[in-house]
Amino acid sequence: MATLPTLEDADRLQGAAESLVEAALDRAREITEGGAKIDDHQVLVEQVAYAATQARAGLETLAALRDAK
């Protein structure tokens, strides 16, 4: 029987997600030249923003789970 994931497992995944988002943000800043060419890279910017939103939602969900515990 498989064991269920724990909050500690979720913390590790959340940390990995945050690291990936930070790397994506850094690269997007380079590609868009600090935002100067943001219009030329709208799809990239939208995808990075979506990933950042999802990572933040995960963080808030973990916080709510801890508060409910």
Protein backbone atom coordinates (compact mmCIF):
# COMPACT_ATOMS: atom_id res chain seq x y z
CA MET A 1 0.00 0.00 0.00
CA ALA A 2 1.37 3.40 -0.99
CA THR A 3 1.90 6.04 1.65
CA LEU A 4 0.09 9.33 1.34
CA PRO A 5 2.09 12.50 0.75
CA THR A 6 2.77 14.64 3.80
CA LEU A 7 3.01 18.39 4.32
CA GLU A 8 6.77 17.93 4.33
CA ASP A 9 6.53 16.39 0.86
CA ALA A 10 4.44 19.36 -0.24
CA ASP A 11 7.03 21.74 1.24
CA ARG A 12 9.77 20.15 -0.85
CA LEU A 13 7.67 20.41 -3.99
CA GLN A 14 6.73 24.01 -3.17
CA GLY A 15 10.40 24.88 -2.73
CA ALA A 16 11.20 23.33 -6.09
CA ALA A 17 8.33 25.23 -7.73
CA GLU A 18 9.51 28.52 -6.26
CA SER A 19 13.06 27.88 -7.48
CA LEU A 20 11.81 27.12 -10.98
CA VAL A 21 9.66 30.25 -11.05
CA GLU A 22 12.58 32.41 -9.90
CA ALA A 23 14.77 30.95 -12.65
CA ALA A 24 12.01 31.53 -15.22
CA LEU A 25 11.55 35.13 -14.02
CA ASP A 26 15.28 35.78 -14.25
CA ARG A 27 15.42 34.39 -17.77
CA ALA A 28 12.30 36.30 -18.83
CA ARG A 29 13.92 39.51 -17.57
CA GLU A 30 16.94 38.77 -19.75
CA ILE A 31 14.88 37.90 -22.82
CA THR A 32 12.65 40.96 -22.50
CA GLU A 33 15.61 43.18 -21.62
CA GLY A 34 14.10 44.10 -18.28
CA GLY A 35 10.65 44.52 -19.78
CA ALA A 36 11.68 46.84 -22.62
CA LYS A 37 10.73 44.18 -25.19
CA ILE A 38 7.83 42.67 -23.29
CA ASP A 39 5.48 43.10 -26.26
CA ASP A 40 7.78 40.98 -28.41
CA HIS A 41 7.54 38.10 -25.92
CA GLN A 42 3.91 38.14 -24.79
CA VAL A 43 3.47 34.37 -24.82
CA LEU A 44 6.57 33.80 -22.69
CA VAL A 45 5.56 36.51 -20.23
CA GLU A 46 2.03 35.12 -19.94
CA GLN A 47 3.31 31.60 -19.26
CA VAL A 48 5.80 32.78 -16.64
CA ALA A 49 3.09 34.87 -14.96
CA TYR A 50 0.77 31.84 -14.92
CA ALA A 51 3.48 29.65 -13.37
CA ALA A 52 4.18 32.30 -10.73
CA THR A 53 0.47 32.48 -9.93
CA GLN A 54 0.24 28.72 -9.56
CA ALA A 55 3.30 28.62 -7.29
CA ARG A 56 1.76 31.34 -5.12
CA ALA A 57 -1.53 29.45 -4.98
CA GLY A 58 0.37 26.39 -3.78
CA LEU A 59 2.07 28.43 -1.08
CA GLU A 60 -1.25 29.85 0.11
CA THR A 61 -2.86 26.39 0.07
CA LEU A 62 -0.07 24.99 2.24
CA ALA A 63 -0.47 27.89 4.66
CA ALA A 64 -4.21 27.24 4.89
CA LEU A 65 -3.61 23.55 5.53
CA ARG A 66 -1.19 24.38 8.33
CA ASP A 67 -3.66 26.82 9.88
CA ALA A 68 -6.41 24.19 9.75
CA LYS A 69 -4.21 21.56 11.38
